[in-house]
Amino acid sequence: MPDRRPAAIDTTVQKTYGWLRELETELGAHSRAEAYDVLRGFLHTLRDRLTVDQAAHLGAQLPMLVRGLFYEGWDPSRVPKKMKETEFFETFARASGHPADTQSREALQAAAHLLSTHVEPGEWLNVLNALPHDVRALLE
């Protein structure tokens, strides 16, 4: 019997695993699950800091499976959440299941780097420009 799975599903799974492998390598992570937690925590923290329009523009650039992760549990009526650097970082640490320490800061920056390399440069610049200076400096 021929394989009837839509190619889009195979493609998004492959792309998502590629993102997780890249993040796992950059983090020196011990597992794909750890890379997943960091990516998910970063996407949710960033998403909640953006306006609905900004989140939609960024989400449109993500692979289908990562886009689903990005929007998972989102309540657009509660955004943007105003967060300065400390709150942004602590929110990420909680969301990724890590203590708020130097290792978590490196994980946050690795996730930001990953995202910046996979979305259009202009879109990444729009995301950075939507953030307060101290949060932007944390991600750059």
C-alpha atoms as a PDB file:
ATOM      1  CA  MET A   1       0.000   0.000   0.000  1.00  0.00           C
ATOM      2  CA  PRO A   2       1.454   3.413  -0.891  1.00  0.00           C
ATOM      3  CA  ASP A   3       2.437   5.891   1.791  1.00  0.00           C
ATOM      4  CA  ARG A   4      -0.359   8.470   1.968  1.00  0.00           C
ATOM      5  CA  ARG A   5       1.115  10.816   4.563  1.00  0.00           C
ATOM      6  CA  PRO A   6       1.198  14.373   3.331  1.00  0.00           C
ATOM      7  CA  ALA A   7       4.718  15.495   2.507  1.00  0.00           C
ATOM      8  CA  ALA A   8       4.166  18.679   4.546  1.00  0.00           C
ATOM      9  CA  ILE A   9       4.011  16.624   7.740  1.00  0.00           C
ATOM     10  CA  ASP A  10       7.249  14.796   6.968  1.00  0.00           C
ATOM     11  CA  THR A  11       8.916  18.086   6.050  1.00  0.00           C
ATOM     12  CA  THR A  12       7.884  19.906   9.217  1.00  0.00           C
ATOM     13  CA  VAL A  13       8.949  16.998  11.420  1.00  0.00           C
ATOM     14  CA  GLN A  14      12.359  16.956   9.722  1.00  0.00           C
ATOM     15  CA  LYS A  15      12.746  20.730  10.049  1.00  0.00           C
ATOM     16  CA  THR A  16      11.723  20.648  13.707  1.00  0.00           C
ATOM     17  CA  TYR A  17      14.186  17.861  14.486  1.00  0.00           C
ATOM     18  CA  GLY A  18      16.829  19.884  12.637  1.00  0.00           C
ATOM     19  CA  TRP A  19      16.133  22.907  14.834  1.00  0.00           C
ATOM     20  CA  LEU A  20      16.294  20.752  17.960  1.00  0.00           C
ATOM     21  CA  ARG A  21      19.596  19.175  16.843  1.00  0.00           C
ATOM     22  CA  GLU A  22      21.085  22.624  16.216  1.00  0.00           C
ATOM     23  CA  LEU A  23      19.959  23.853  19.619  1.00  0.00           C
ATOM     24  CA  GLU A  24      21.104  20.661  21.321  1.00  0.00           C
ATOM     25  CA  THR A  25      24.564  21.088  19.784  1.00  0.00           C
ATOM     26  CA  GLU A  26      24.810  24.758  20.712  1.00  0.00           C
ATOM     27  CA  LEU A  27      23.680  24.066  24.270  1.00  0.00           C
ATOM     28  CA  GLY A  28      25.777  20.972  24.719  1.00  0.00           C
ATOM     29  CA  ALA A  29      22.440  19.528  25.805  1.00  0.00           C
ATOM     30  CA  HIS A  30      22.203  15.987  27.040  1.00  0.00           C
ATOM     31  CA  SER A  31      18.968  15.247  25.239  1.00  0.00           C
ATOM     32  CA  ARG A  32      16.569  16.375  22.587  1.00  0.00           C
ATOM     33  CA  ALA A  33      14.026  16.877  25.381  1.00  0.00           C
ATOM     34  CA  GLU A  34      16.245  19.509  26.992  1.00  0.00           C
ATOM     35  CA  ALA A  35      16.573  21.351  23.675  1.00  0.00           C
ATOM     36  CA  TYR A  36      12.794  21.123  23.238  1.00  0.00           C
ATOM     37  CA  ASP A  37      12.190  22.617  26.693  1.00  0.00           C
ATOM     38  CA  VAL A  38      14.525  25.520  25.934  1.00  0.00           C
ATOM     39  CA  LEU A  39      12.973  26.188  22.517  1.00  0.00           C
ATOM     40  CA  ARG A  40       9.429  25.978  23.885  1.00  0.00           C
ATOM     41  CA  GLY A  41      10.235  28.195  26.859  1.00  0.00           C
ATOM     42  CA  PHE A  42      11.869  30.793  24.638  1.00  0.00           C
ATOM     43  CA  LEU A  43       9.086  30.809  22.044  1.00  0.00           C
ATOM     44  CA  HIS A  44       6.391  31.210  24.694  1.00  0.00           C
ATOM     45  CA  THR A  45       8.248  33.946  26.575  1.00  0.00           C
ATOM     46  CA  LEU A  46       8.971  35.873  23.392  1.00  0.00           C
ATOM     47  CA  ARG A  47       5.453  35.387  22.028  1.00  0.00           C
ATOM     48  CA  ASP A  48       3.882  36.749  25.190  1.00  0.00           C
ATOM     49  CA  ARG A  49       6.021  39.903  24.997  1.00  0.00           C
ATOM     50  CA  LEU A  50       4.896  40.666  21.424  1.00  0.00           C
ATOM     51  CA  THR A  51       1.670  42.214  20.190  1.00  0.00           C
ATOM     52  CA  VAL A  52      -0.804  39.954  18.383  1.00  0.00           C
ATOM     53  CA  ASP A  53       0.310  41.317  14.999  1.00  0.00           C
ATOM     54  CA  GLN A  54       3.993  40.897  15.796  1.00  0.00           C
ATOM     55  CA  ALA A  55       3.441  37.335  17.018  1.00  0.00           C
ATOM     56  CA  ALA A  56       1.430  36.509  13.892  1.00  0.00           C
ATOM     57  CA  HIS A  57       4.165  37.831  11.595  1.00  0.00           C
ATOM     58  CA  LEU A  58       6.816  35.835  13.438  1.00  0.00           C
ATOM     59  CA  GLY A  59       4.640  32.714  13.616  1.00  0.00           C
ATOM     60  CA  ALA A  60       4.126  32.800   9.853  1.00  0.00           C
ATOM     61  CA  GLN A  61       7.881  32.305   9.400  1.00  0.00           C
ATOM     62  CA  LEU A  62       8.086  29.158  11.525  1.00  0.00           C
ATOM     63  CA  PRO A  63       7.841  25.580  10.307  1.00  0.00           C
ATOM     64  CA  MET A  64       4.345  24.176  10.846  1.00  0.00           C
ATOM     65  CA  LEU A  65       5.238  22.067  13.896  1.00  0.00           C
ATOM     66  CA  VAL A  66       7.298  24.835  15.532  1.00  0.00           C
ATOM     67  CA  ARG A  67       4.425  27.242  14.781  1.00  0.00           C
ATOM     68  CA  GLY A  68       2.089  24.946  16.683  1.00  0.00           C
ATOM     69  CA  LEU A  69       4.515  24.960  19.598  1.00  0.00           C
ATOM     70  CA  PHE A  70       4.727  28.763  19.391  1.00  0.00           C
ATOM     71  CA  TYR A  71       0.945  29.176  19.607  1.00  0.00           C
ATOM     72  CA  GLU A  72       0.352  26.372  22.146  1.00  0.00           C
ATOM     73  CA  GLY A  73      -1.628  27.734  25.100  1.00  0.00           C
ATOM     74  CA  TRP A  74      -1.582  31.314  23.781  1.00  0.00           C
ATOM     75  CA  ASP A  75      -4.193  33.783  24.957  1.00  0.00           C
ATOM     76  CA  PRO A  76      -3.949  36.758  22.582  1.00  0.00           C
ATOM     77  CA  SER A  77      -6.219  38.817  24.831  1.00  0.00           C
ATOM     78  CA  ARG A  78      -3.445  38.886  27.451  1.00  0.00           C
ATOM     79  CA  VAL A  79      -0.572  40.226  25.348  1.00  0.00           C
ATOM     80  CA  PRO A  80       1.740  41.957  25.160  1.00  0.00           C
ATOM     81  CA  LYS A  81       3.006  41.391  28.663  1.00  0.00           C
ATOM     82  CA  LYS A  82       5.311  44.208  29.620  1.00  0.00           C
ATOM     83  CA  MET A  83       8.534  42.599  30.802  1.00  0.00           C
ATOM     84  CA  LYS A  84      11.896  44.120  31.523  1.00  0.00           C
ATOM     85  CA  GLU A  85      15.070  42.036  31.245  1.00  0.00           C
ATOM     86  CA  THR A  86      14.878  40.386  34.673  1.00  0.00           C
ATOM     87  CA  GLU A  87      11.240  39.364  34.330  1.00  0.00           C
ATOM     88  CA  PHE A  88      11.768  38.181  30.744  1.00  0.00           C
ATOM     89  CA  PHE A  89      14.712  36.048  31.837  1.00  0.00           C
ATOM     90  CA  GLU A  90      12.953  34.626  34.891  1.00  0.00           C
ATOM     91  CA  THR A  91       9.842  33.850  32.831  1.00  0.00           C
ATOM     92  CA  PHE A  92      12.010  31.995  30.304  1.00  0.00           C
ATOM     93  CA  ALA A  93      13.805  30.077  33.056  1.00  0.00           C
ATOM     94  CA  ARG A  94      10.500  28.942  34.590  1.00  0.00           C
ATOM     95  CA  ALA A  95       9.000  28.078  31.194  1.00  0.00           C
ATOM     96  CA  SER A  96      12.038  26.027  30.206  1.00  0.00           C
ATOM     97  CA  GLY A  97      12.314  24.288  33.573  1.00  0.00           C
ATOM     98  CA  HIS A  98      15.719  25.730  34.444  1.00  0.00           C
ATOM     99  CA  PRO A  99      16.959  27.764  37.388  1.00  0.00           C
ATOM    100  CA  ALA A 100      17.604  31.444  36.627  1.00  0.00           C
ATOM    101  CA  ASP A 101      21.390  31.173  36.394  1.00  0.00           C
ATOM    102  CA  THR A 102      24.236  31.670  33.930  1.00  0.00           C
ATOM    103  CA  GLN A 103      23.472  28.389  32.176  1.00  0.00           C
ATOM    104  CA  SER A 104      19.877  29.510  31.605  1.00  0.00           C
ATOM    105  CA  ARG A 105      21.099  32.822  30.212  1.00  0.00           C
ATOM    106  CA  GLU A 106      23.259  30.903  27.729  1.00  0.00           C
ATOM    107  CA  ALA A 107      20.273  28.705  26.833  1.00  0.00           C
ATOM    108  CA  LEU A 108      18.108  31.778  26.237  1.00  0.00           C
ATOM    109  CA  GLN A 109      20.742  33.311  23.994  1.00  0.00           C
ATOM    110  CA  ALA A 110      21.209  30.029  22.110  1.00  0.00           C
ATOM    111  CA  ALA A 111      17.458  29.827  21.441  1.00  0.00           C
ATOM    112  CA  ALA A 112      17.414  33.455  20.272  1.00  0.00           C
ATOM    113  CA  HIS A 113      20.347  32.749  17.966  1.00  0.00           C
ATOM    114  CA  LEU A 114      18.607  29.694  16.548  1.00  0.00           C
ATOM    115  CA  LEU A 115      15.456  31.662  15.808  1.00  0.00           C
ATOM    116  CA  SER A 116      17.416  34.540  14.289  1.00  0.00           C
ATOM    117  CA  THR A 117      19.086  32.182  11.829  1.00  0.00           C
ATOM    118  CA  HIS A 118      15.817  30.588  10.688  1.00  0.00           C
ATOM    119  CA  VAL A 119      13.570  33.599  10.121  1.00  0.00           C
ATOM    120  CA  GLU A 120      14.014  36.381   7.619  1.00  0.00           C
ATOM    121  CA  PRO A 121      16.555  38.937   8.873  1.00  0.00           C
ATOM    122  CA  GLY A 122      14.001  41.725   8.534  1.00  0.00           C
ATOM    123  CA  GLU A 123      11.504  39.802  10.648  1.00  0.00           C
ATOM    124  CA  TRP A 124      14.082  39.151  13.362  1.00  0.00           C
ATOM    125  CA  LEU A 125      14.957  42.852  13.351  1.00  0.00           C
ATOM    126  CA  ASN A 126      11.250  43.700  13.720  1.00  0.00           C
ATOM    127  CA  VAL A 127      11.024  41.340  16.701  1.00  0.00           C
ATOM    128  CA  LEU A 128      14.089  42.883  18.345  1.00  0.00           C
ATOM    129  CA  ASN A 129      12.824  46.407  17.724  1.00  0.00           C
ATOM    130  CA  ALA A 130       9.529  45.509  19.428  1.00  0.00           C
ATOM    131  CA  LEU A 131      11.353  44.677  22.651  1.00  0.00           C
ATOM    132  CA  PRO A 132      12.634  47.035  25.326  1.00  0.00           C
ATOM    133  CA  HIS A 133      16.317  47.857  24.993  1.00  0.00           C
ATOM    134  CA  ASP A 134      17.363  45.723  27.980  1.00  0.00           C
ATOM    135  CA  VAL A 135      15.520  42.619  26.668  1.00  0.00           C
ATOM    136  CA  ARG A 136      16.901  43.197  23.172  1.00  0.00           C
ATOM    137  CA  ALA A 137      20.431  43.402  24.595  1.00  0.00           C
ATOM    138  CA  LEU A 138      19.835  40.115  26.438  1.00  0.00           C
ATOM    139  CA  LEU A 139      18.950  38.373  23.146  1.00  0.00           C
ATOM    140  CA  GLU A 140      21.616  39.856  20.883  1.00  0.00           C
END
